[in-house]
Amino acid sequence: MDTNAQTSIDQLDVLIRARYPLIYVVTWEEQRVEEVVTRFARAREKKVFVWTASRGIYPYGTPEQSKKGSDEATQDPLVALDSVLRMVEPAIYVFKDLHRFT
């Protein structure tokens, strides 16, 4: 791993530990970021959920073709964000391709 990538990972870790409510990451390496975020979350005993426009919110690791765990009501990004605000359990949410809705 190059030093720039490690620096970015270290910065992401600091932001997560500092409990920033929103972290915006621009990357071509979506899977890699999800894996890093999941590693950080597990170390802090938090769950990870992913949001996509096609599936809504679902637990990280659920196969793409599976609808299990998906919440189609949260396909709308505003509904999904409202849902996150109502959650009480410690978790990290990864919203993919949210820029399409701005």
PDB file of N, CA and C in Angstrom:
ATOM      1  N   MET A   1       0.855  -1.173   0.000  1.00  0.00           N
ATOM      2  CA  MET A   1       0.000   0.000   0.000  1.00  0.00           C
ATOM      3  C   MET A   1       0.900   1.234   0.000  1.00  0.00           C
ATOM      4  N   ASP A   2       0.575   2.175  -0.889  1.00  0.00           N
ATOM      5  CA  ASP A   2       1.407   3.380  -0.948  1.00  0.00           C
ATOM      6  C   ASP A   2       1.108   4.303   0.232  1.00  0.00           C
ATOM      7  N   THR A   3       2.001   5.235   0.467  1.00  0.00           N
ATOM      8  CA  THR A   3       1.880   6.107   1.643  1.00  0.00           C
ATOM      9  C   THR A   3       0.676   7.036   1.559  1.00  0.00           C
ATOM     10  N   ASN A   4       0.293   7.458   0.335  1.00  0.00           N
ATOM     11  CA  ASN A   4      -0.893   8.317   0.198  1.00  0.00           C
ATOM     12  C   ASN A   4      -2.153   7.570   0.612  1.00  0.00           C
ATOM     13  N   ALA A   5      -2.255   6.305   0.206  1.00  0.00           N
ATOM     14  CA  ALA A   5      -3.417   5.504   0.585  1.00  0.00           C
ATOM     15  C   ALA A   5      -3.445   5.301   2.095  1.00  0.00           C
ATOM     16  N   GLN A   6      -2.303   5.006   2.685  1.00  0.00           N
ATOM     17  CA  GLN A   6      -2.245   4.799   4.136  1.00  0.00           C
ATOM     18  C   GLN A   6      -2.589   6.081   4.887  1.00  0.00           C
ATOM     19  N   THR A   7      -2.131   7.219   4.379  1.00  0.00           N
ATOM     20  CA  THR A   7      -2.462   8.501   4.998  1.00  0.00           C
ATOM     21  C   THR A   7      -3.970   8.739   4.957  1.00  0.00           C
ATOM     22  N   SER A   8      -4.594   8.425   3.837  1.00  0.00           N
ATOM     23  CA  SER A   8      -6.047   8.588   3.714  1.00  0.00           C
ATOM     24  C   SER A   8      -6.790   7.670   4.676  1.00  0.00           C
ATOM     25  N   ILE A   9      -6.321   6.446   4.810  1.00  0.00           N
ATOM     26  CA  ILE A   9      -6.938   5.498   5.744  1.00  0.00           C
ATOM     27  C   ILE A   9      -6.784   5.997   7.172  1.00  0.00           C
ATOM     28  N   ASP A  10      -5.599   6.486   7.500  1.00  0.00           N
ATOM     29  CA  ASP A  10      -5.369   7.024   8.848  1.00  0.00           C
ATOM     30  C   ASP A  10      -6.265   8.233   9.123  1.00  0.00           C
ATOM     31  N   GLN A  11      -6.437   9.100   8.129  1.00  0.00           N
ATOM     32  CA  GLN A  11      -7.302  10.271   8.299  1.00  0.00           C
ATOM     33  C   GLN A  11      -8.759   9.843   8.496  1.00  0.00           C
ATOM     34  N   LEU A  12      -9.188   8.844   7.743  1.00  0.00           N
ATOM     35  CA  LEU A  12     -10.556   8.336   7.888  1.00  0.00           C
ATOM     36  C   LEU A  12     -10.753   7.755   9.286  1.00  0.00           C
ATOM     37  N   ASP A  13      -9.780   7.033   9.773  1.00  0.00           N
ATOM     38  CA  ASP A  13      -9.852   6.469  11.124  1.00  0.00           C
ATOM     39  C   ASP A  13      -9.985   7.575  12.168  1.00  0.00           C
ATOM     40  N   VAL A  14      -9.211   8.626  12.031  1.00  0.00           N
ATOM     41  CA  VAL A  14      -9.282   9.752  12.974  1.00  0.00           C
ATOM     42  C   VAL A  14     -10.671  10.384  12.943  1.00  0.00           C
ATOM     43  N   LEU A  15     -11.214  10.590  11.765  1.00  0.00           N
ATOM     44  CA  LEU A  15     -12.541  11.202  11.641  1.00  0.00           C
ATOM     45  C   LEU A  15     -13.626  10.324  12.251  1.00  0.00           C
ATOM     46  N   ILE A  16     -13.526   9.024  12.052  1.00  0.00           N
ATOM     47  CA  ILE A  16     -14.517   8.099  12.631  1.00  0.00           C
ATOM     48  C   ILE A  16     -14.393   8.096  14.155  1.00  0.00           C
ATOM     49  N   ARG A  17     -13.167   8.018  14.665  1.00  0.00           N
ATOM     50  CA  ARG A  17     -12.965   8.037  16.116  1.00  0.00           C
ATOM     51  C   ARG A  17     -13.439   9.352  16.730  1.00  0.00           C
ATOM     52  N   ALA A  18     -13.313  10.452  15.983  1.00  0.00           N
ATOM     53  CA  ALA A  18     -13.756  11.760  16.475  1.00  0.00           C
ATOM     54  C   ALA A  18     -15.280  11.907  16.394  1.00  0.00           C
ATOM     55  N   ARG A  19     -15.932  10.891  15.846  1.00  0.00           N
ATOM     56  CA  ARG A  19     -17.398  10.829  15.758  1.00  0.00           C
ATOM     57  C   ARG A  19     -17.990  11.938  14.895  1.00  0.00           C
ATOM     58  N   TYR A  20     -17.290  12.239  13.813  1.00  0.00           N
ATOM     59  CA  TYR A  20     -17.861  13.188  12.860  1.00  0.00           C
ATOM     60  C   TYR A  20     -19.179  12.601  12.355  1.00  0.00           C
ATOM     61  N   PRO A  21     -20.238  13.400  12.325  1.00  0.00           N
ATOM     62  CA  PRO A  21     -21.537  12.856  11.907  1.00  0.00           C
ATOM     63  C   PRO A  21     -21.616  12.573  10.399  1.00  0.00           C
ATOM     64  N   LEU A  22     -20.769  13.232   9.624  1.00  0.00           N
ATOM     65  CA  LEU A  22     -20.799  13.040   8.170  1.00  0.00           C
ATOM     66  C   LEU A  22     -19.383  13.145   7.626  1.00  0.00           C
ATOM     67  N   ILE A  23     -19.001  12.142   6.855  1.00  0.00           N
ATOM     68  CA  ILE A  23     -17.695  12.134   6.208  1.00  0.00           C
ATOM     69  C   ILE A  23     -17.948  11.845   4.736  1.00  0.00           C
ATOM     70  N   TYR A  24     -17.473  12.723   3.876  1.00  0.00           N
ATOM     71  CA  TYR A  24     -17.687  12.592   2.435  1.00  0.00           C
ATOM     72  C   TYR A  24     -16.397  12.082   1.811  1.00  0.00           C
ATOM     73  N   VAL A  25     -16.471  10.917   1.182  1.00  0.00           N
ATOM     74  CA  VAL A  25     -15.290  10.298   0.578  1.00  0.00           C
ATOM     75  C   VAL A  25     -15.535  10.159  -0.920  1.00  0.00           C
ATOM     76  N   VAL A  26     -14.616  10.673  -1.709  1.00  0.00           N
ATOM     77  CA  VAL A  26     -14.672  10.513  -3.159  1.00  0.00           C
ATOM     78  C   VAL A  26     -13.597   9.499  -3.533  1.00  0.00           C
ATOM     79  N   THR A  27     -14.002   8.412  -4.167  1.00  0.00           N
ATOM     80  CA  THR A  27     -13.046   7.362  -4.503  1.00  0.00           C
ATOM     81  C   THR A  27     -13.541   6.529  -5.673  1.00  0.00           C
ATOM     82  N   TRP A  28     -12.573   5.934  -6.356  1.00  0.00           N
ATOM     83  CA  TRP A  28     -12.883   4.949  -7.395  1.00  0.00           C
ATOM     84  C   TRP A  28     -12.841   3.546  -6.798  1.00  0.00           C
ATOM     85  N   GLU A  29     -12.370   3.448  -5.563  1.00  0.00           N
ATOM     86  CA  GLU A  29     -12.183   2.155  -4.911  1.00  0.00           C
ATOM     87  C   GLU A  29     -13.256   1.928  -3.844  1.00  0.00           C
ATOM     88  N   GLU A  30     -14.476   1.827  -4.288  1.00  0.00           N
ATOM     89  CA  GLU A  30     -15.627   1.706  -3.407  1.00  0.00           C
ATOM     90  C   GLU A  30     -15.491   0.513  -2.452  1.00  0.00           C
ATOM     91  N   GLN A  31     -15.166  -0.649  -3.000  1.00  0.00           N
ATOM     92  CA  GLN A  31     -15.052  -1.859  -2.195  1.00  0.00           C
ATOM     93  C   GLN A  31     -13.978  -1.719  -1.123  1.00  0.00           C
ATOM     94  N   ARG A  32     -12.873  -1.128  -1.483  1.00  0.00           N
ATOM     95  CA  ARG A  32     -11.776  -0.951  -0.536  1.00  0.00           C
ATOM     96  C   ARG A  32     -12.191  -0.045   0.633  1.00  0.00           C
ATOM     97  N   VAL A  33     -12.885   1.027   0.332  1.00  0.00           N
ATOM     98  CA  VAL A  33     -13.353   1.929   1.389  1.00  0.00           C
ATOM     99  C   VAL A  33     -14.354   1.213   2.293  1.00  0.00           C
ATOM    100  N   GLU A  34     -15.258   0.446   1.711  1.00  0.00           N
ATOM    101  CA  GLU A  34     -16.230  -0.306   2.512  1.00  0.00           C
ATOM    102  C   GLU A  34     -15.521  -1.268   3.455  1.00  0.00           C
ATOM    103  N   GLU A  35     -14.500  -1.942   2.968  1.00  0.00           N
ATOM    104  CA  GLU A  35     -13.766  -2.890   3.810  1.00  0.00           C
ATOM    105  C   GLU A  35     -13.044  -2.177   4.952  1.00  0.00           C
ATOM    106  N   VAL A  36     -12.445  -1.030   4.666  1.00  0.00           N
ATOM    107  CA  VAL A  36     -11.750  -0.260   5.707  1.00  0.00           C
ATOM    108  C   VAL A  36     -12.750   0.239   6.748  1.00  0.00           C
ATOM    109  N   VAL A  37     -13.860   0.790   6.293  1.00  0.00           N
ATOM    110  CA  VAL A  37     -14.891   1.289   7.214  1.00  0.00           C
ATOM    111  C   VAL A  37     -15.430   0.148   8.073  1.00  0.00           C
ATOM    112  N   THR A  38     -15.626  -1.012   7.471  1.00  0.00           N
ATOM    113  CA  THR A  38     -16.124  -2.168   8.219  1.00  0.00           C
ATOM    114  C   THR A  38     -15.120  -2.616   9.269  1.00  0.00           C
ATOM    115  N   ARG A  39     -13.852  -2.600   8.937  1.00  0.00           N
ATOM    116  CA  ARG A  39     -12.807  -2.964   9.907  1.00  0.00           C
ATOM    117  C   ARG A  39     -12.837  -1.989  11.096  1.00  0.00           C
ATOM    118  N   PHE A  40     -12.936  -0.690  10.797  1.00  0.00           N
ATOM    119  CA  PHE A  40     -13.007   0.310  11.872  1.00  0.00           C
ATOM    120  C   PHE A  40     -14.269   0.106  12.719  1.00  0.00           C
ATOM    121  N   ALA A  41     -15.378  -0.157  12.070  1.00  0.00           N
ATOM    122  CA  ALA A  41     -16.655  -0.332  12.782  1.00  0.00           C
ATOM    123  C   ALA A  41     -16.601  -1.542  13.707  1.00  0.00           C
ATOM    124  N   ARG A  42     -16.081  -2.648  13.220  1.00  0.00           N
ATOM    125  CA  ARG A  42     -15.999  -3.856  14.056  1.00  0.00           C
ATOM    126  C   ARG A  42     -15.105  -3.627  15.269  1.00  0.00           C
ATOM    127  N   ALA A  43     -14.035  -2.878  15.085  1.00  0.00           N
ATOM    128  CA  ALA A  43     -13.136  -2.579  16.206  1.00  0.00           C
ATOM    129  C   ALA A  43     -13.857  -1.765  17.275  1.00  0.00           C
ATOM    130  N   ARG A  44     -14.904  -1.056  16.877  1.00  0.00           N
ATOM    131  CA  ARG A  44     -15.667  -0.226  17.814  1.00  0.00           C
ATOM    132  C   ARG A  44     -17.046  -0.806  18.111  1.00  0.00           C
ATOM    133  N   GLU A  45     -17.232  -2.077  17.733  1.00  0.00           N
ATOM    134  CA  GLU A  45     -18.483  -2.800  17.967  1.00  0.00           C
ATOM    135  C   GLU A  45     -19.695  -2.077  17.393  1.00  0.00           C
ATOM    136  N   LYS A  46     -19.552  -1.619  16.164  1.00  0.00           N
ATOM    137  CA  LYS A  46     -20.651  -0.972  15.457  1.00  0.00           C
ATOM    138  C   LYS A  46     -21.001  -1.780  14.218  1.00  0.00           C
ATOM    139  N   LYS A  47     -22.248  -1.719  13.829  1.00  0.00           N
ATOM    140  CA  LYS A  47     -22.684  -2.355  12.597  1.00  0.00           C
ATOM    141  C   LYS A  47     -22.435  -1.402  11.432  1.00  0.00           C
ATOM    142  N   VAL A  48     -22.413  -1.962  10.225  1.00  0.00           N
ATOM    143  CA  VAL A  48     -22.260  -1.162   9.017  1.00  0.00           C
ATOM    144  C   VAL A  48     -23.451  -1.431   8.113  1.00  0.00           C
ATOM    145  N   PHE A  49     -24.051  -0.351   7.641  1.00  0.00           N
ATOM    146  CA  PHE A  49     -25.146  -0.445   6.688  1.00  0.00           C
ATOM    147  C   PHE A  49     -24.755   0.321   5.431  1.00  0.00           C
ATOM    148  N   VAL A  50     -25.266  -0.132   4.311  1.00  0.00           N
ATOM    149  CA  VAL A  50     -24.978   0.491   3.021  1.00  0.00           C
ATOM    150  C   VAL A  50     -26.297   0.975   2.440  1.00  0.00           C
ATOM    151  N   TRP A  51     -26.231   2.090   1.724  1.00  0.00           N
ATOM    152  CA  TRP A  51     -27.394   2.596   1.008  1.00  0.00           C
ATOM    153  C   TRP A  51     -27.073   2.693  -0.474  1.00  0.00           C
ATOM    154  N   THR A  52     -27.994   2.212  -1.291  1.00  0.00           N
ATOM    155  CA  THR A  52     -27.949   2.445  -2.732  1.00  0.00           C
ATOM    156  C   THR A  52     -29.356   2.824  -3.168  1.00  0.00           C
ATOM    157  N   ALA A  53     -29.458   3.543  -4.260  1.00  0.00           N
ATOM    158  CA  ALA A  53     -30.768   3.967  -4.761  1.00  0.00           C
ATOM    159  C   ALA A  53     -31.607   2.768  -5.192  1.00  0.00           C
ATOM    160  N   SER A  54     -30.972   1.697  -5.605  1.00  0.00           N
ATOM    161  CA  SER A  54     -31.723   0.536  -6.080  1.00  0.00           C
ATOM    162  C   SER A  54     -32.199  -0.384  -4.962  1.00  0.00           C
ATOM    163  N   ARG A  55     -31.523  -0.365  -3.811  1.00  0.00           N
ATOM    164  CA  ARG A  55     -31.881  -1.284  -2.731  1.00  0.00           C
ATOM    165  C   ARG A  55     -32.315  -0.603  -1.449  1.00  0.00           C
ATOM    166  N   GLY A  56     -32.024   0.664  -1.297  1.00  0.00           N
ATOM    167  CA  GLY A  56     -32.277   1.318  -0.018  1.00  0.00           C
ATOM    168  C   GLY A  56     -31.184   0.949   0.963  1.00  0.00           C
ATOM    169  N   ILE A  57     -31.507   0.933   2.257  1.00  0.00           N
ATOM    170  CA  ILE A  57     -30.525   0.609   3.293  1.00  0.00           C
ATOM    171  C   ILE A  57     -30.523  -0.896   3.535  1.00  0.00           C
ATOM    172  N   TYR A  58     -29.320  -1.467   3.617  1.00  0.00           N
ATOM    173  CA  TYR A  58     -29.179  -2.899   3.896  1.00  0.00           C
ATOM    174  C   TYR A  58     -27.878  -3.139   4.654  1.00  0.00           C
ATOM    175  N   PRO A  59     -27.806  -4.254   5.409  1.00  0.00           N
ATOM    176  CA  PRO A  59     -26.578  -4.550   6.158  1.00  0.00           C
ATOM    177  C   PRO A  59     -25.410  -4.832   5.221  1.00  0.00           C
ATOM    178  N   TYR A  60     -24.235  -4.325   5.549  1.00  0.00           N
ATOM    179  CA  TYR A  60     -23.034  -4.572   4.755  1.00  0.00           C
ATOM    180  C   TYR A  60     -22.796  -6.076   4.679  1.00  0.00           C
ATOM    181  N   GLY A  61     -22.417  -6.530   3.511  1.00  0.00           N
ATOM    182  CA  GLY A  61     -22.123  -7.940   3.309  1.00  0.00           C
ATOM    183  C   GLY A  61     -23.270  -8.721   2.714  1.00  0.00           C
ATOM    184  N   THR A  62     -24.447  -8.111   2.628  1.00  0.00           N
ATOM    185  CA  THR A  62     -25.581  -8.783   1.999  1.00  0.00           C
ATOM    186  C   THR A  62     -25.316  -8.849   0.499  1.00  0.00           C
ATOM    187  N   PRO A  63     -25.429 -10.036  -0.107  1.00  0.00           N
ATOM    188  CA  PRO A  63     -25.151 -10.146  -1.548  1.00  0.00           C
ATOM    189  C   PRO A  63     -26.009  -9.196  -2.381  1.00  0.00           C
ATOM    190  N   GLU A  64     -25.425  -8.666  -3.448  1.00  0.00           N
ATOM    191  CA  GLU A  64     -26.112  -7.705  -4.319  1.00  0.00           C
ATOM    192  C   GLU A  64     -27.459  -8.221  -4.828  1.00  0.00           C
ATOM    193  N   GLN A  65     -27.527  -9.488  -5.215  1.00  0.00           N
ATOM    194  CA  GLN A  65     -28.751 -10.021  -5.796  1.00  0.00           C
ATOM    195  C   GLN A  65     -29.800 -10.366  -4.746  1.00  0.00           C
ATOM    196  N   SER A  66     -29.420 -10.325  -3.488  1.00  0.00           N
ATOM    197  CA  SER A  66     -30.339 -10.653  -2.410  1.00  0.00           C
ATOM    198  C   SER A  66     -31.137  -9.424  -2.001  1.00  0.00           C
ATOM    199  N   LYS A  67     -32.417  -9.614  -1.799  1.00  0.00           N
ATOM    200  CA  LYS A  67     -33.255  -8.535  -1.266  1.00  0.00           C
ATOM    201  C   LYS A  67     -33.350  -8.641   0.255  1.00  0.00           C
ATOM    202  N   LYS A  68     -32.763  -9.713   0.823  1.00  0.00           N
ATOM    203  CA  LYS A  68     -32.807  -9.927   2.260  1.00  0.00           C
ATOM    204  C   LYS A  68     -32.140  -8.754   2.979  1.00  0.00           C
ATOM    205  N   GLY A  69     -32.825  -8.210   3.929  1.00  0.00           N
ATOM    206  CA  GLY A  69     -32.271  -7.112   4.704  1.00  0.00           C
ATOM    207  C   GLY A  69     -32.443  -5.750   4.053  1.00  0.00           C
ATOM    208  N   SER A  70     -32.848  -5.729   2.787  1.00  0.00           N
ATOM    209  CA  SER A  70     -33.033  -4.457   2.094  1.00  0.00           C
ATOM    210  C   SER A  70     -34.301  -3.781   2.576  1.00  0.00           C
ATOM    211  N   ASP A  71     -34.303  -2.480   2.520  1.00  0.00           N
ATOM    212  CA  ASP A  71     -35.474  -1.693   2.896  1.00  0.00           C
ATOM    213  C   ASP A  71     -35.817  -0.801   1.718  1.00  0.00           C
ATOM    214  N   GLU A  72     -36.682  -1.303   0.832  1.00  0.00           N
ATOM    215  CA  GLU A  72     -37.011  -0.565  -0.387  1.00  0.00           C
ATOM    216  C   GLU A  72     -37.669   0.775  -0.094  1.00  0.00           C
ATOM    217  N   ALA A  73     -38.271   0.926   1.077  1.00  0.00           N
ATOM    218  CA  ALA A  73     -38.879   2.204   1.442  1.00  0.00           C
ATOM    219  C   ALA A  73     -37.819   3.294   1.567  1.00  0.00           C
ATOM    220  N   THR A  74     -36.566   2.885   1.790  1.00  0.00           N
ATOM    221  CA  THR A  74     -35.493   3.855   1.963  1.00  0.00           C
ATOM    222  C   THR A  74     -34.711   4.096   0.669  1.00  0.00           C
ATOM    223  N   GLN A  75     -35.242   3.714  -0.460  1.00  0.00           N
ATOM    224  CA  GLN A  75     -34.555   3.976  -1.726  1.00  0.00           C
ATOM    225  C   GLN A  75     -34.441   5.471  -1.999  1.00  0.00           C
ATOM    226  N   ASP A  76     -35.407   6.226  -1.542  1.00  0.00           N
ATOM    227  CA  ASP A  76     -35.347   7.676  -1.645  1.00  0.00           C
ATOM    228  C   ASP A  76     -34.304   8.165  -0.642  1.00  0.00           C
ATOM    229  N   PRO A  77     -33.316   8.951  -1.083  1.00  0.00           N
ATOM    230  CA  PRO A  77     -32.247   9.346  -0.163  1.00  0.00           C
ATOM    231  C   PRO A  77     -32.722  10.162   1.038  1.00  0.00           C
ATOM    232  N   LEU A  78     -33.754  10.975   0.885  1.00  0.00           N
ATOM    233  CA  LEU A  78     -34.248  11.747   2.027  1.00  0.00           C
ATOM    234  C   LEU A  78     -34.922  10.848   3.052  1.00  0.00           C
ATOM    235  N   VAL A  79     -35.661   9.860   2.581  1.00  0.00           N
ATOM    236  CA  VAL A  79     -36.279   8.891   3.489  1.00  0.00           C
ATOM    237  C   VAL A  79     -35.193   8.088   4.201  1.00  0.00           C
ATOM    238  N   ALA A  80     -34.145   7.727   3.452  1.00  0.00           N
ATOM    239  CA  ALA A  80     -33.035   6.970   4.044  1.00  0.00           C
ATOM    240  C   ALA A  80     -32.343   7.781   5.132  1.00  0.00           C
ATOM    241  N   LEU A  81     -32.070   9.050   4.873  1.00  0.00           N
ATOM    242  CA  LEU A  81     -31.422   9.894   5.872  1.00  0.00           C
ATOM    243  C   LEU A  81     -32.300  10.066   7.105  1.00  0.00           C
ATOM    244  N   ASP A  82     -33.601  10.218   6.904  1.00  0.00           N
ATOM    245  CA  ASP A  82     -34.526  10.295   8.044  1.00  0.00           C
ATOM    246  C   ASP A  82     -34.481   9.000   8.854  1.00  0.00           C
ATOM    247  N   SER A  83     -34.402   7.878   8.165  1.00  0.00           N
ATOM    248  CA  SER A  83     -34.329   6.578   8.828  1.00  0.00           C
ATOM    249  C   SER A  83     -33.061   6.468   9.672  1.00  0.00           C
ATOM    250  N   VAL A  84     -31.951   6.942   9.139  1.00  0.00           N
ATOM    251  CA  VAL A  84     -30.678   6.920   9.877  1.00  0.00           C
ATOM    252  C   VAL A  84     -30.792   7.767  11.139  1.00  0.00           C
ATOM    253  N   LEU A  85     -31.417   8.917  11.040  1.00  0.00           N
ATOM    254  CA  LEU A  85     -31.563   9.801  12.198  1.00  0.00           C
ATOM    255  C   LEU A  85     -32.392   9.161  13.309  1.00  0.00           C
ATOM    256  N   ARG A  86     -33.305   8.263  12.947  1.00  0.00           N
ATOM    257  CA  ARG A  86     -34.151   7.593  13.939  1.00  0.00           C
ATOM    258  C   ARG A  86     -33.477   6.369  14.569  1.00  0.00           C
ATOM    259  N   MET A  87     -32.385   5.905  13.984  1.00  0.00           N
ATOM    260  CA  MET A  87     -31.709   4.710  14.498  1.00  0.00           C
ATOM    261  C   MET A  87     -31.037   5.037  15.833  1.00  0.00           C
ATOM    262  N   VAL A  88     -31.082   4.084  16.753  1.00  0.00           N
ATOM    263  CA  VAL A  88     -30.484   4.297  18.058  1.00  0.00           C
ATOM    264  C   VAL A  88     -29.238   3.450  18.281  1.00  0.00           C
ATOM    265  N   GLU A  89     -29.102   2.353  17.547  1.00  0.00           N
ATOM    266  CA  GLU A  89     -27.928   1.506  17.753  1.00  0.00           C
ATOM    267  C   GLU A  89     -26.695   2.108  17.076  1.00  0.00           C
ATOM    268  N   PRO A  90     -25.526   1.900  17.660  1.00  0.00           N
ATOM    269  CA  PRO A  90     -24.298   2.442  17.076  1.00  0.00           C
ATOM    270  C   PRO A  90     -24.015   1.780  15.727  1.00  0.00           C
ATOM    271  N   ALA A  91     -23.907   2.580  14.697  1.00  0.00           N
ATOM    272  CA  ALA A  91     -23.684   2.047  13.357  1.00  0.00           C
ATOM    273  C   ALA A  91     -23.021   3.106  12.485  1.00  0.00           C
ATOM    274  N   ILE A  92     -22.436   2.623  11.406  1.00  0.00           N
ATOM    275  CA  ILE A  92     -21.869   3.498  10.385  1.00  0.00           C
ATOM    276  C   ILE A  92     -22.632   3.215   9.104  1.00  0.00           C
ATOM    277  N   TYR A  93     -23.033   4.270   8.416  1.00  0.00           N
ATOM    278  CA  TYR A  93     -23.798   4.149   7.178  1.00  0.00           C
ATOM    279  C   TYR A  93     -22.956   4.637   6.012  1.00  0.00           C
ATOM    280  N   VAL A  94     -22.889   3.822   4.975  1.00  0.00           N
ATOM    281  CA  VAL A  94     -22.157   4.168   3.763  1.00  0.00           C
ATOM    282  C   VAL A  94     -23.201   4.415   2.674  1.00  0.00           C
ATOM    283  N   PHE A  95     -23.288   5.661   2.233  1.00  0.00           N
ATOM    284  CA  PHE A  95     -24.217   6.012   1.159  1.00  0.00           C
ATOM    285  C   PHE A  95     -23.427   6.063  -0.141  1.00  0.00           C
ATOM    286  N   LYS A  96     -23.824   5.230  -1.101  1.00  0.00           N
ATOM    287  CA  LYS A  96     -23.110   5.167  -2.385  1.00  0.00           C
ATOM    288  C   LYS A  96     -23.819   6.050  -3.414  1.00  0.00           C
ATOM    289  N   ASP A  97     -23.034   6.745  -4.194  1.00  0.00           N
ATOM    290  CA  ASP A  97     -23.537   7.537  -5.328  1.00  0.00           C
ATOM    291  C   ASP A  97     -24.610   8.543  -4.946  1.00  0.00           C
ATOM    292  N   LEU A  98     -24.495   9.102  -3.776  1.00  0.00           N
ATOM    293  CA  LEU A  98     -25.451  10.095  -3.314  1.00  0.00           C
ATOM    294  C   LEU A  98     -25.353  11.389  -4.112  1.00  0.00           C
ATOM    295  N   HIS A  99     -24.208  11.619  -4.723  1.00  0.00           N
ATOM    296  CA  HIS A  99     -24.004  12.847  -5.506  1.00  0.00           C
ATOM    297  C   HIS A  99     -25.006  12.979  -6.641  1.00  0.00           C
ATOM    298  N   ARG A 100     -25.554  11.876  -7.100  1.00  0.00           N
ATOM    299  CA  ARG A 100     -26.534  11.935  -8.202  1.00  0.00           C
ATOM    300  C   ARG A 100     -27.809  12.677  -7.798  1.00  0.00           C
ATOM    301  N   PHE A 101     -28.039  12.835  -6.517  1.00  0.00           N
ATOM    302  CA  PHE A 101     -29.276  13.434  -6.021  1.00  0.00           C
ATOM    303  C   PHE A 101     -29.099  14.877  -5.576  1.00  0.00           C
ATOM    304  N   THR A 102     -27.919  15.443  -5.786  1.00  0.00           N
ATOM    305  CA  THR A 102     -27.708  16.828  -5.346  1.00  0.00           C
ATOM    306  C   THR A 102     -27.978  17.797  -6.459  1.00  0.00           C
TER     307      THR A 102
END
